[in-house]
Amino acid sequence: MDLVKKIGFLSFGHWTPHPSSQTRTAADALLQSIDLAVAAEEVGADGAYFRVHHFARQLASPFPLLSAIAARTKRIEIGTGVIDMRYENPLYMAEEAAAADLISGGRLHLGISRGSPEQVIDGYKYFGYEPADGDHAEMARKHAAVFLKMLEGQGFAEPNPRPMFPNPPGPLPLEPYSEGLRERIWWGAGTRATAEWTAAKGMNLMSSTLLTEDTGVPFHELQREQIALFHSAWAEAGHDWTPRTSVSRSIFPIVDDLDRQLFGRETSSTDTVGFLDGGNARFGKSYAGEPDQLIEELKQDTAIAAADTLLLTVPNQLGVDYNAKLLKNVVELVAPGLGWR
């Protein structure tokens, strides 16, 4: 049985000064992201999520953006997919995250991970973080562990005996504290083994836009297996709350000539296999077609059926109006035919 889906968008926040782009500066990318989140709420979408990349003409500093969106919206989830934890000071990040969550009224959903291929070599070193043993992935997981611990709100720091302001008794926690945020942290997992680790650590599963393993089966089947392993590991871990899982897809309903001009060539899209980080990686197909055709194709996507959240990757350089229309068409013309609304 299909789950009732939450449907949001995932933006990479690209900008380029090229004349064909509607998003030509960093200011354009940021301000249009806010406007698109507002428009997404108006058309009935459930979430606004953003990628985080450093040293690139893309979105890089999520918390000012998420806080601004929180102040302009009332209902939708706001989040990331994903923050590279190799770059992060986990205590400072916990303060920033809690503040953004309080501004939003508890709507923050943060996807975090070990990161993706970078624009520069070992970029996290320029931010002051270098693993002593050279294992940057383990450094990301250590940063994540500290971040999660800080979100629990427990005191740990020795108070000054002569403080400027009175302290409550006992060790001091970080402030502010936002109740419930700990259960709204997601890990971006690119393998089945990482999905099981994610469950053991008590985080929601954000299945990656690419999987860094390839067993020869279609992308959606490998993701479905990943989600099933996550749920099994979650049950074994014995956590006392219900987790969520998400997948990302490029879905383009073709309803007019502009849609056909932009995405008509995607109607024959297929999975692709590449080489990444020393091994094979599998990328999922894009979906493009008239709404009835999309409904039939998406019924065959077993990972979408298994996940409770679908994030639509949007071509942000086409501008706010086009992407708002794209989201509206998925929500109104495609989702009901799949029992998602």
C-alpha atoms as a PDB file:
ATOM      1  CA  MET A   1       0.000   0.000   0.000  1.00  0.00           C
ATOM      2  CA  ASP A   2       1.308   3.439  -0.936  1.00  0.00           C
ATOM      3  CA  LEU A   3       2.033   5.798   1.925  1.00  0.00           C
ATOM      4  CA  VAL A   4       0.579   9.284   2.074  1.00  0.00           C
ATOM      5  CA  LYS A   5       3.515  11.251   0.787  1.00  0.00           C
ATOM      6  CA  LYS A   6       4.982  14.476   1.956  1.00  0.00           C
ATOM      7  CA  ILE A   7       6.158  16.237  -1.197  1.00  0.00           C
ATOM      8  CA  GLY A   8       8.822  18.923  -1.022  1.00  0.00           C
ATOM      9  CA  PHE A   9      11.481  20.374  -3.260  1.00  0.00           C
ATOM     10  CA  LEU A  10      15.250  20.061  -3.109  1.00  0.00           C
ATOM     11  CA  SER A  11      17.266  22.906  -4.623  1.00  0.00           C
ATOM     12  CA  PHE A  12      20.985  22.875  -5.307  1.00  0.00           C
ATOM     13  CA  GLY A  13      20.889  26.682  -5.459  1.00  0.00           C
ATOM     14  CA  HIS A  14      23.065  27.030  -8.563  1.00  0.00           C
ATOM     15  CA  TRP A  15      23.755  30.497  -9.871  1.00  0.00           C
ATOM     16  CA  THR A  16      25.679  31.636 -12.916  1.00  0.00           C
ATOM     17  CA  PRO A  17      26.051  35.001 -14.698  1.00  0.00           C
ATOM     18  CA  HIS A  18      25.096  33.390 -18.039  1.00  0.00           C
ATOM     19  CA  PRO A  19      22.365  35.354 -19.898  1.00  0.00           C
ATOM     20  CA  SER A  20      20.095  32.290 -20.095  1.00  0.00           C
ATOM     21  CA  SER A  21      20.006  31.901 -16.312  1.00  0.00           C
ATOM     22  CA  GLN A  22      17.282  33.489 -14.194  1.00  0.00           C
ATOM     23  CA  THR A  23      19.623  33.144 -11.189  1.00  0.00           C
ATOM     24  CA  ARG A  24      22.784  35.080 -11.955  1.00  0.00           C
ATOM     25  CA  THR A  25      24.204  36.076  -8.573  1.00  0.00           C
ATOM     26  CA  ALA A  26      24.495  34.715  -5.042  1.00  0.00           C
ATOM     27  CA  ALA A  27      21.874  37.250  -3.968  1.00  0.00           C
ATOM     28  CA  ASP A  28      19.525  35.928  -6.671  1.00  0.00           C
ATOM     29  CA  ALA A  29      20.006  32.368  -5.444  1.00  0.00           C
ATOM     30  CA  LEU A  30      19.271  33.278  -1.838  1.00  0.00           C
ATOM     31  CA  LEU A  31      16.331  35.609  -2.411  1.00  0.00           C
ATOM     32  CA  GLN A  32      14.737  33.359  -5.021  1.00  0.00           C
ATOM     33  CA  SER A  33      15.083  30.398  -2.653  1.00  0.00           C
ATOM     34  CA  ILE A  34      13.025  32.300  -0.089  1.00  0.00           C
ATOM     35  CA  ASP A  35      10.422  33.218  -2.704  1.00  0.00           C
ATOM     36  CA  LEU A  36      10.221  29.640  -3.980  1.00  0.00           C
ATOM     37  CA  ALA A  37       9.650  28.323  -0.460  1.00  0.00           C
ATOM     38  CA  VAL A  38       6.785  30.792  -0.028  1.00  0.00           C
ATOM     39  CA  ALA A  39       5.348  29.773  -3.411  1.00  0.00           C
ATOM     40  CA  ALA A  40       5.746  26.079  -2.561  1.00  0.00           C
ATOM     41  CA  GLU A  41       3.671  26.551   0.571  1.00  0.00           C
ATOM     42  CA  GLU A  42       1.013  28.375  -1.438  1.00  0.00           C
ATOM     43  CA  VAL A  43       0.666  25.553  -4.006  1.00  0.00           C
ATOM     44  CA  GLY A  44       0.377  22.881  -1.312  1.00  0.00           C
ATOM     45  CA  ALA A  45       3.875  21.404  -1.172  1.00  0.00           C
ATOM     46  CA  ASP A  46       5.139  20.201   2.198  1.00  0.00           C
ATOM     47  CA  GLY A  47       8.803  21.146   2.340  1.00  0.00           C
ATOM     48  CA  ALA A  48      11.672  23.336   1.130  1.00  0.00           C
ATOM     49  CA  TYR A  49      15.073  21.657   1.273  1.00  0.00           C
ATOM     50  CA  PHE A  50      18.451  22.907   0.092  1.00  0.00           C
ATOM     51  CA  ARG A  51      21.811  21.382  -0.776  1.00  0.00           C
ATOM     52  CA  VAL A  52      24.942  22.804   0.855  1.00  0.00           C
ATOM     53  CA  HIS A  53      28.185  23.046  -1.126  1.00  0.00           C
ATOM     54  CA  HIS A  54      31.333  25.006  -0.332  1.00  0.00           C
ATOM     55  CA  PHE A  55      33.673  26.768  -2.788  1.00  0.00           C
ATOM     56  CA  ALA A  56      30.951  26.664  -5.449  1.00  0.00           C
ATOM     57  CA  ARG A  57      28.394  28.963  -7.046  1.00  0.00           C
ATOM     58  CA  GLN A  58      25.686  27.243  -5.052  1.00  0.00           C
ATOM     59  CA  LEU A  59      24.047  27.647  -1.661  1.00  0.00           C
ATOM     60  CA  ALA A  60      26.590  27.275   1.142  1.00  0.00           C
ATOM     61  CA  SER A  61      25.382  28.827   4.418  1.00  0.00           C
ATOM     62  CA  PRO A  62      22.039  27.252   5.293  1.00  0.00           C
ATOM     63  CA  PHE A  63      21.006  28.801   8.592  1.00  0.00           C
ATOM     64  CA  PRO A  64      20.502  32.423   7.512  1.00  0.00           C
ATOM     65  CA  LEU A  65      18.495  31.134   4.554  1.00  0.00           C
ATOM     66  CA  LEU A  66      16.406  28.699   6.593  1.00  0.00           C
ATOM     67  CA  SER A  67      15.711  31.335   9.246  1.00  0.00           C
ATOM     68  CA  ALA A  68      14.544  33.798   6.599  1.00  0.00           C
ATOM     69  CA  ILE A  69      12.250  31.150   5.094  1.00  0.00           C
ATOM     70  CA  ALA A  70      10.941  30.298   8.559  1.00  0.00           C
ATOM     71  CA  ALA A  71       9.961  33.914   9.069  1.00  0.00           C
ATOM     72  CA  ARG A  72       8.099  34.040   5.734  1.00  0.00           C
ATOM     73  CA  THR A  73       6.212  30.725   5.978  1.00  0.00           C
ATOM     74  CA  LYS A  74       3.895  29.053   8.472  1.00  0.00           C
ATOM     75  CA  ARG A  75       3.411  25.401   7.519  1.00  0.00           C
ATOM     76  CA  ILE A  76       6.072  23.798   5.375  1.00  0.00           C
ATOM     77  CA  GLU A  77       9.092  21.906   6.606  1.00  0.00           C
ATOM     78  CA  ILE A  78      12.408  23.633   5.995  1.00  0.00           C
ATOM     79  CA  GLY A  79      15.648  21.746   5.766  1.00  0.00           C
ATOM     80  CA  THR A  80      18.856  20.664   4.116  1.00  0.00           C
ATOM     81  CA  GLY A  81      19.920  17.756   1.998  1.00  0.00           C
ATOM     82  CA  VAL A  82      22.724  17.667   3.054  1.00  0.00           C
ATOM     83  CA  ILE A  83      25.191  19.573   5.265  1.00  0.00           C
ATOM     84  CA  ASP A  84      28.740  18.223   4.975  1.00  0.00           C
ATOM     85  CA  MET A  85      29.736  17.534   8.575  1.00  0.00           C
ATOM     86  CA  ARG A  86      33.455  17.550   7.747  1.00  0.00           C
ATOM     87  CA  TYR A  87      33.245  21.358   7.630  1.00  0.00           C
ATOM     88  CA  GLU A  88      31.194  21.920  10.764  1.00  0.00           C
ATOM     89  CA  ASN A  89      31.899  23.059  14.305  1.00  0.00           C
ATOM     90  CA  PRO A  90      29.204  20.876  15.908  1.00  0.00           C
ATOM     91  CA  LEU A  91      28.618  23.123  18.944  1.00  0.00           C
ATOM     92  CA  TYR A  92      28.219  26.289  16.904  1.00  0.00           C
ATOM     93  CA  MET A  93      26.027  24.379  14.460  1.00  0.00           C
ATOM     94  CA  ALA A  94      23.806  23.166  17.314  1.00  0.00           C
ATOM     95  CA  GLU A  95      23.231  26.752  18.428  1.00  0.00           C
ATOM     96  CA  GLU A  96      22.439  27.870  14.876  1.00  0.00           C
ATOM     97  CA  ALA A  97      20.106  24.939  14.274  1.00  0.00           C
ATOM     98  CA  ALA A  98      18.196  25.414  17.510  1.00  0.00           C
ATOM     99  CA  ALA A  99      17.731  29.130  16.798  1.00  0.00           C
ATOM    100  CA  ALA A 100      16.423  28.446  13.279  1.00  0.00           C
ATOM    101  CA  ASP A 101      14.101  25.759  14.616  1.00  0.00           C
ATOM    102  CA  LEU A 102      12.654  28.070  17.250  1.00  0.00           C
ATOM    103  CA  ILE A 103      12.057  30.758  14.627  1.00  0.00           C
ATOM    104  CA  SER A 104      10.221  28.176  12.504  1.00  0.00           C
ATOM    105  CA  GLY A 105       8.101  26.849  15.348  1.00  0.00           C
ATOM    106  CA  GLY A 106       9.631  23.386  15.145  1.00  0.00           C
ATOM    107  CA  ARG A 107       9.656  22.877  11.365  1.00  0.00           C
ATOM    108  CA  LEU A 108      13.402  22.360  10.842  1.00  0.00           C
ATOM    109  CA  HIS A 109      14.544  19.056   9.306  1.00  0.00           C
ATOM    110  CA  LEU A 110      18.311  18.870   8.836  1.00  0.00           C
ATOM    111  CA  GLY A 111      19.903  16.400   6.482  1.00  0.00           C
ATOM    112  CA  ILE A 112      23.562  15.897   7.352  1.00  0.00           C
ATOM    113  CA  SER A 113      26.210  13.552   5.996  1.00  0.00           C
ATOM    114  CA  ARG A 114      29.888  12.884   5.382  1.00  0.00           C
ATOM    115  CA  GLY A 115      29.657  15.052   2.279  1.00  0.00           C
ATOM    116  CA  SER A 116      30.006  14.685  -1.466  1.00  0.00           C
ATOM    117  CA  PRO A 117      32.795  15.222  -4.022  1.00  0.00           C
ATOM    118  CA  GLU A 118      34.127  18.747  -3.635  1.00  0.00           C
ATOM    119  CA  GLN A 119      35.161  21.685  -5.785  1.00  0.00           C
ATOM    120  CA  VAL A 120      38.559  21.802  -4.077  1.00  0.00           C
ATOM    121  CA  ILE A 121      40.899  19.216  -2.623  1.00  0.00           C
ATOM    122  CA  ASP A 122      40.154  18.532   1.047  1.00  0.00           C
ATOM    123  CA  GLY A 123      38.217  21.754   1.414  1.00  0.00           C
ATOM    124  CA  TYR A 124      37.430  21.092   5.066  1.00  0.00           C
ATOM    125  CA  LYS A 125      41.111  21.767   5.863  1.00  0.00           C
ATOM    126  CA  TYR A 126      40.585  25.430   4.975  1.00  0.00           C
ATOM    127  CA  PHE A 127      37.819  25.514   7.590  1.00  0.00           C
ATOM    128  CA  GLY A 128      40.259  24.280  10.226  1.00  0.00           C
ATOM    129  CA  TYR A 129      39.357  20.579  10.304  1.00  0.00           C
ATOM    130  CA  GLU A 130      41.845  17.888   9.394  1.00  0.00           C
ATOM    131  CA  PRO A 131      41.531  14.279  10.564  1.00  0.00           C
ATOM    132  CA  ALA A 132      44.595  13.123  12.448  1.00  0.00           C
ATOM    133  CA  ASP A 133      44.463   9.693  10.830  1.00  0.00           C
ATOM    134  CA  GLY A 134      43.411  10.924   7.376  1.00  0.00           C
ATOM    135  CA  ASP A 135      39.920   9.378   7.656  1.00  0.00           C
ATOM    136  CA  HIS A 136      37.701  12.317   6.692  1.00  0.00           C
ATOM    137  CA  ALA A 137      34.529  10.202   6.705  1.00  0.00           C
ATOM    138  CA  GLU A 138      35.121   9.193  10.310  1.00  0.00           C
ATOM    139  CA  MET A 139      35.778  12.835  11.180  1.00  0.00           C
ATOM    140  CA  ALA A 140      32.350  13.707   9.760  1.00  0.00           C
ATOM    141  CA  ARG A 141      30.722  11.010  11.873  1.00  0.00           C
ATOM    142  CA  LYS A 142      32.488  12.232  15.004  1.00  0.00           C
ATOM    143  CA  HIS A 143      31.318  15.782  14.333  1.00  0.00           C
ATOM    144  CA  ALA A 144      27.796  14.418  13.832  1.00  0.00           C
ATOM    145  CA  ALA A 145      27.903  12.511  17.116  1.00  0.00           C
ATOM    146  CA  VAL A 146      28.835  15.656  19.028  1.00  0.00           C
ATOM    147  CA  PHE A 147      26.138  17.648  17.203  1.00  0.00           C
ATOM    148  CA  LEU A 148      23.463  15.099  18.094  1.00  0.00           C
ATOM    149  CA  LYS A 149      24.580  15.061  21.717  1.00  0.00           C
ATOM    150  CA  MET A 150      24.341  18.857  21.913  1.00  0.00           C
ATOM    151  CA  LEU A 151      20.754  18.746  20.612  1.00  0.00           C
ATOM    152  CA  GLU A 152      19.726  16.707  23.665  1.00  0.00           C
ATOM    153  CA  GLY A 153      20.094  19.846  25.773  1.00  0.00           C
ATOM    154  CA  GLN A 154      22.052  18.300  28.634  1.00  0.00           C
ATOM    155  CA  GLY A 155      24.474  20.351  30.707  1.00  0.00           C
ATOM    156  CA  PHE A 156      28.177  19.600  30.228  1.00  0.00           C
ATOM    157  CA  ALA A 157      30.205  22.815  30.664  1.00  0.00           C
ATOM    158  CA  GLU A 158      31.627  23.910  34.012  1.00  0.00           C
ATOM    159  CA  PRO A 159      30.075  27.244  35.038  1.00  0.00           C
ATOM    160  CA  ASN A 160      32.147  30.247  36.003  1.00  0.00           C
ATOM    161  CA  PRO A 161      31.997  30.700  39.794  1.00  0.00           C
ATOM    162  CA  ARG A 162      31.758  34.460  39.265  1.00  0.00           C
ATOM    163  CA  PRO A 163      29.514  34.791  36.203  1.00  0.00           C
ATOM    164  CA  MET A 164      28.349  38.023  34.649  1.00  0.00           C
ATOM    165  CA  PHE A 165      24.762  36.752  34.911  1.00  0.00           C
ATOM    166  CA  PRO A 166      23.332  34.221  37.377  1.00  0.00           C
ATOM    167  CA  ASN A 167      23.540  30.577  36.280  1.00  0.00           C
ATOM    168  CA  PRO A 168      21.137  27.752  36.991  1.00  0.00           C
ATOM    169  CA  PRO A 169      22.656  25.014  39.173  1.00  0.00           C
ATOM    170  CA  GLY A 170      24.912  22.361  37.671  1.00  0.00           C
ATOM    171  CA  PRO A 171      26.816  22.089  34.371  1.00  0.00           C
ATOM    172  CA  LEU A 172      25.552  24.375  31.624  1.00  0.00           C
ATOM    173  CA  PRO A 173      24.106  23.273  28.257  1.00  0.00           C
ATOM    174  CA  LEU A 174      24.252  25.159  24.995  1.00  0.00           C
ATOM    175  CA  GLU A 175      21.519  27.713  24.489  1.00  0.00           C
ATOM    176  CA  PRO A 176      19.069  27.953  22.948  1.00  0.00           C
ATOM    177  CA  TYR A 177      17.542  24.483  23.228  1.00  0.00           C
ATOM    178  CA  SER A 178      14.759  23.440  20.842  1.00  0.00           C
ATOM    179  CA  GLU A 179      12.737  20.476  22.032  1.00  0.00           C
ATOM    180  CA  GLY A 180      12.143  17.791  19.411  1.00  0.00           C
ATOM    181  CA  LEU A 181      14.870  18.884  16.983  1.00  0.00           C
ATOM    182  CA  ARG A 182      16.994  15.819  17.757  1.00  0.00           C
ATOM    183  CA  GLU A 183      14.315  13.613  16.181  1.00  0.00           C
ATOM    184  CA  ARG A 184      14.289  15.735  13.027  1.00  0.00           C
ATOM    185  CA  ILE A 185      17.875  15.041  11.982  1.00  0.00           C
ATOM    186  CA  TRP A 186      18.394  12.975   8.821  1.00  0.00           C
ATOM    187  CA  TRP A 187      21.516  11.267   7.495  1.00  0.00           C
ATOM    188  CA  GLY A 188      22.208  11.242   3.764  1.00  0.00           C
ATOM    189  CA  ALA A 189      23.083   7.616   3.048  1.00  0.00           C
ATOM    190  CA  GLY A 190      24.680   6.452  -0.185  1.00  0.00           C
ATOM    191  CA  THR A 191      24.889   2.734   0.629  1.00  0.00           C
ATOM    192  CA  ARG A 192      22.823   0.025   2.276  1.00  0.00           C
ATOM    193  CA  ALA A 193      25.371  -0.351   5.069  1.00  0.00           C
ATOM    194  CA  THR A 194      25.198   3.367   5.829  1.00  0.00           C
ATOM    195  CA  ALA A 195      21.404   3.141   6.008  1.00  0.00           C
ATOM    196  CA  GLU A 196      21.741   0.499   8.723  1.00  0.00           C
ATOM    197  CA  TRP A 197      24.282   2.658  10.585  1.00  0.00           C
ATOM    198  CA  THR A 198      21.873   5.602  10.318  1.00  0.00           C
ATOM    199  CA  ALA A 199      19.134   3.583  11.979  1.00  0.00           C
ATOM    200  CA  ALA A 200      21.450   2.435  14.757  1.00  0.00           C
ATOM    201  CA  LYS A 201      22.312   6.090  15.494  1.00  0.00           C
ATOM    202  CA  GLY A 202      18.675   7.145  15.638  1.00  0.00           C
ATOM    203  CA  MET A 203      18.492   9.414  12.597  1.00  0.00           C
ATOM    204  CA  ASN A 204      15.950   9.572   9.788  1.00  0.00           C
ATOM    205  CA  LEU A 205      17.079   8.253   6.406  1.00  0.00           C
ATOM    206  CA  MET A 206      17.643  10.580   3.455  1.00  0.00           C
ATOM    207  CA  SER A 207      18.501   8.227   0.615  1.00  0.00           C
ATOM    208  CA  SER A 208      21.103   9.884  -1.576  1.00  0.00           C
ATOM    209  CA  THR A 209      20.472  11.237  -5.072  1.00  0.00           C
ATOM    210  CA  LEU A 210      23.130   8.715  -6.088  1.00  0.00           C
ATOM    211  CA  LEU A 211      24.195   5.448  -4.513  1.00  0.00           C
ATOM    212  CA  THR A 212      27.893   4.691  -4.253  1.00  0.00           C
ATOM    213  CA  GLU A 213      27.387   1.004  -4.926  1.00  0.00           C
ATOM    214  CA  ASP A 214      25.944  -0.902  -7.844  1.00  0.00           C
ATOM    215  CA  THR A 215      24.529  -4.427  -7.681  1.00  0.00           C
ATOM    216  CA  GLY A 216      23.147  -4.393 -11.210  1.00  0.00           C
ATOM    217  CA  VAL A 217      19.530  -3.808 -10.207  1.00  0.00           C
ATOM    218  CA  PRO A 218      17.657  -0.612 -11.131  1.00  0.00           C
ATOM    219  CA  PHE A 219      18.304   2.414  -8.947  1.00  0.00           C
ATOM    220  CA  HIS A 220      14.836   2.408  -7.397  1.00  0.00           C
ATOM    221  CA  GLU A 221      15.126  -1.258  -6.406  1.00  0.00           C
ATOM    222  CA  LEU A 222      18.485  -0.659  -4.728  1.00  0.00           C
ATOM    223  CA  GLN A 223      16.967   2.284  -2.847  1.00  0.00           C
ATOM    224  CA  ARG A 224      13.965   0.178  -1.826  1.00  0.00           C
ATOM    225  CA  GLU A 225      16.330  -2.425  -0.412  1.00  0.00           C
ATOM    226  CA  GLN A 226      18.220   0.327   1.409  1.00  0.00           C
ATOM    227  CA  ILE A 227      14.975   1.600   2.983  1.00  0.00           C
ATOM    228  CA  ALA A 228      13.941  -1.920   4.035  1.00  0.00           C
ATOM    229  CA  LEU A 229      17.307  -2.526   5.693  1.00  0.00           C
ATOM    230  CA  PHE A 230      16.991   0.818   7.477  1.00  0.00           C
ATOM    231  CA  HIS A 231      13.606  -0.115   8.934  1.00  0.00           C
ATOM    232  CA  SER A 232      14.865  -3.527  10.042  1.00  0.00           C
ATOM    233  CA  ALA A 233      17.876  -1.966  11.756  1.00  0.00           C
ATOM    234  CA  TRP A 234      15.643   0.646  13.370  1.00  0.00           C
ATOM    235  CA  ALA A 235      13.400  -2.021  14.869  1.00  0.00           C
ATOM    236  CA  GLU A 236      16.437  -3.931  16.117  1.00  0.00           C
ATOM    237  CA  ALA A 237      17.836  -0.779  17.750  1.00  0.00           C
ATOM    238  CA  GLY A 238      14.632  -0.343  19.743  1.00  0.00           C
ATOM    239  CA  HIS A 239      14.198   3.418  19.361  1.00  0.00           C
ATOM    240  CA  ASP A 240      10.942   4.674  20.870  1.00  0.00           C
ATOM    241  CA  TRP A 241       9.818   6.931  18.018  1.00  0.00           C
ATOM    242  CA  THR A 242       8.883   6.454  14.359  1.00  0.00           C
ATOM    243  CA  PRO A 243      11.509   7.484  11.787  1.00  0.00           C
ATOM    244  CA  ARG A 244      11.032   8.910   8.326  1.00  0.00           C
ATOM    245  CA  THR A 245      12.625   8.113   4.987  1.00  0.00           C
ATOM    246  CA  SER A 246      12.992  10.220   1.863  1.00  0.00           C
ATOM    247  CA  VAL A 247      14.023   9.808  -1.746  1.00  0.00           C
ATOM    248  CA  SER A 248      14.748  12.510  -4.325  1.00  0.00           C
ATOM    249  CA  ARG A 249      13.559  12.504  -7.923  1.00  0.00           C
ATOM    250  CA  SER A 250      13.558  14.782 -10.963  1.00  0.00           C
ATOM    251  CA  ILE A 251       9.921  14.783 -12.122  1.00  0.00           C
ATOM    252  CA  PHE A 252       8.767  17.099 -14.904  1.00  0.00           C
ATOM    253  CA  PRO A 253       5.091  17.079 -15.907  1.00  0.00           C
ATOM    254  CA  ILE A 254       4.760  18.204 -19.518  1.00  0.00           C
ATOM    255  CA  VAL A 255       1.603  20.285 -19.821  1.00  0.00           C
ATOM    256  CA  ASP A 256       2.581  23.008 -22.312  1.00  0.00           C
ATOM    257  CA  ASP A 257       5.049  23.855 -25.085  1.00  0.00           C
ATOM    258  CA  LEU A 258       7.619  25.356 -22.699  1.00  0.00           C
ATOM    259  CA  ASP A 259       7.710  22.158 -20.645  1.00  0.00           C
ATOM    260  CA  ARG A 260       8.111  20.162 -23.841  1.00  0.00           C
ATOM    261  CA  GLN A 261      10.919  22.413 -25.063  1.00  0.00           C
ATOM    262  CA  LEU A 262      12.802  22.194 -21.759  1.00  0.00           C
ATOM    263  CA  PHE A 263      12.276  18.555 -20.784  1.00  0.00           C
ATOM    264  CA  GLY A 264      10.939  16.657 -23.755  1.00  0.00           C
ATOM    265  CA  ARG A 265      14.302  14.970 -24.216  1.00  0.00           C
ATOM    266  CA  GLU A 266      14.052  13.539 -20.679  1.00  0.00           C
ATOM    267  CA  THR A 267      11.122  11.299 -21.627  1.00  0.00           C
ATOM    268  CA  SER A 268      13.558   8.498 -22.503  1.00  0.00           C
ATOM    269  CA  SER A 269      15.808   8.920 -19.445  1.00  0.00           C
ATOM    270  CA  THR A 270      17.340   5.812 -17.881  1.00  0.00           C
ATOM    271  CA  ASP A 271      19.539   4.965 -14.905  1.00  0.00           C
ATOM    272  CA  THR A 272      23.236   5.668 -15.359  1.00  0.00           C
ATOM    273  CA  VAL A 273      26.276   4.033 -13.808  1.00  0.00           C
ATOM    274  CA  GLY A 274      29.447   6.014 -13.154  1.00  0.00           C
ATOM    275  CA  PHE A 275      32.682   5.825 -11.204  1.00  0.00           C
ATOM    276  CA  LEU A 276      32.892   7.812  -7.975  1.00  0.00           C
ATOM    277  CA  ASP A 277      35.166   7.685  -4.926  1.00  0.00           C
ATOM    278  CA  GLY A 278      36.982   4.629  -6.178  1.00  0.00           C
ATOM    279  CA  GLY A 279      33.975   2.505  -7.116  1.00  0.00           C
ATOM    280  CA  ASN A 280      30.832   2.210  -9.203  1.00  0.00           C
ATOM    281  CA  ALA A 281      27.920   4.501  -8.440  1.00  0.00           C
ATOM    282  CA  ARG A 282      24.358   4.341  -9.709  1.00  0.00           C
ATOM    283  CA  PHE A 283      22.299   7.426 -10.563  1.00  0.00           C
ATOM    284  CA  GLY A 284      18.535   7.370 -10.952  1.00  0.00           C
ATOM    285  CA  LYS A 285      16.574   8.339 -14.049  1.00  0.00           C
ATOM    286  CA  SER A 286      14.576  11.520 -14.545  1.00  0.00           C
ATOM    287  CA  TYR A 287      10.835  11.354 -15.148  1.00  0.00           C
ATOM    288  CA  ALA A 288       9.260  13.565 -17.795  1.00  0.00           C
ATOM    289  CA  GLY A 289       5.968  13.220 -19.623  1.00  0.00           C
ATOM    290  CA  GLU A 290       2.306  14.097 -19.605  1.00  0.00           C
ATOM    291  CA  PRO A 291       0.730  13.646 -16.169  1.00  0.00           C
ATOM    292  CA  ASP A 292      -1.092  10.401 -16.986  1.00  0.00           C
ATOM    293  CA  GLN A 293       2.121   8.917 -18.355  1.00  0.00           C
ATOM    294  CA  LEU A 294       4.056  10.013 -15.262  1.00  0.00           C
ATOM    295  CA  ILE A 295       1.502   8.411 -12.966  1.00  0.00           C
ATOM    296  CA  GLU A 296       1.931   5.045 -14.678  1.00  0.00           C
ATOM    297  CA  GLU A 297       5.740   5.273 -14.653  1.00  0.00           C
ATOM    298  CA  LEU A 298       5.946   6.385 -11.033  1.00  0.00           C
ATOM    299  CA  LYS A 299       3.726   3.484  -9.948  1.00  0.00           C
ATOM    300  CA  GLN A 300       6.653   1.248 -10.900  1.00  0.00           C
ATOM    301  CA  ASP A 301       9.165   3.133  -8.713  1.00  0.00           C
ATOM    302  CA  THR A 302       9.414   0.887  -5.671  1.00  0.00           C
ATOM    303  CA  ALA A 303      11.590   3.287  -3.662  1.00  0.00           C
ATOM    304  CA  ILE A 304       9.053   6.097  -3.937  1.00  0.00           C
ATOM    305  CA  ALA A 305       6.398   3.656  -2.752  1.00  0.00           C
ATOM    306  CA  ALA A 306       8.556   2.642   0.217  1.00  0.00           C
ATOM    307  CA  ALA A 307       9.515   6.168   1.357  1.00  0.00           C
ATOM    308  CA  ASP A 308       7.199   8.582   3.155  1.00  0.00           C
ATOM    309  CA  THR A 309       8.794  11.737   1.713  1.00  0.00           C
ATOM    310  CA  LEU A 310       9.477  12.660  -1.903  1.00  0.00           C
ATOM    311  CA  LEU A 311      11.829  15.555  -2.633  1.00  0.00           C
ATOM    312  CA  LEU A 312      11.577  17.007  -6.134  1.00  0.00           C
ATOM    313  CA  THR A 313      14.894  18.294  -7.437  1.00  0.00           C
ATOM    314  CA  VAL A 314      14.154  21.618  -9.094  1.00  0.00           C
ATOM    315  CA  PRO A 315      16.030  23.426 -11.889  1.00  0.00           C
ATOM    316  CA  ASN A 316      16.375  26.596  -9.829  1.00  0.00           C
ATOM    317  CA  GLN A 317      18.021  28.615 -12.614  1.00  0.00           C
ATOM    318  CA  LEU A 318      14.708  28.560 -14.505  1.00  0.00           C
ATOM    319  CA  GLY A 319      13.335  30.970 -11.910  1.00  0.00           C
ATOM    320  CA  VAL A 320      10.700  31.036  -9.207  1.00  0.00           C
ATOM    321  CA  ASP A 321       7.619  31.203 -11.431  1.00  0.00           C
ATOM    322  CA  TYR A 322       8.566  28.162 -13.485  1.00  0.00           C
ATOM    323  CA  ASN A 323       9.501  26.064 -10.475  1.00  0.00           C
ATOM    324  CA  ALA A 324       6.347  27.040  -8.612  1.00  0.00           C
ATOM    325  CA  LYS A 325       4.355  25.875 -11.633  1.00  0.00           C
ATOM    326  CA  LEU A 326       6.339  22.625 -11.718  1.00  0.00           C
ATOM    327  CA  LEU A 327       5.568  21.937  -8.048  1.00  0.00           C
ATOM    328  CA  LYS A 328       1.904  22.823  -8.505  1.00  0.00           C
ATOM    329  CA  ASN A 329       1.591  20.433 -11.440  1.00  0.00           C
ATOM    330  CA  VAL A 330       3.140  17.552  -9.482  1.00  0.00           C
ATOM    331  CA  VAL A 331       0.973  18.220  -6.419  1.00  0.00           C
ATOM    332  CA  GLU A 332      -2.278  18.704  -8.348  1.00  0.00           C
ATOM    333  CA  LEU A 333      -1.917  16.584 -11.492  1.00  0.00           C
ATOM    334  CA  VAL A 334       0.346  13.693 -10.524  1.00  0.00           C
ATOM    335  CA  ALA A 335       0.190  13.098  -6.772  1.00  0.00           C
ATOM    336  CA  PRO A 336      -3.575  12.418  -6.566  1.00  0.00           C
ATOM    337  CA  GLY A 337      -3.313   9.756  -9.267  1.00  0.00           C
ATOM    338  CA  LEU A 338      -0.829   7.894  -7.084  1.00  0.00           C
ATOM    339  CA  GLY A 339      -2.883   8.158  -3.901  1.00  0.00           C
ATOM    340  CA  TRP A 340      -0.444  10.655  -2.357  1.00  0.00           C
ATOM    341  CA  ARG A 341      -3.063  13.337  -1.765  1.00  0.00           C
END
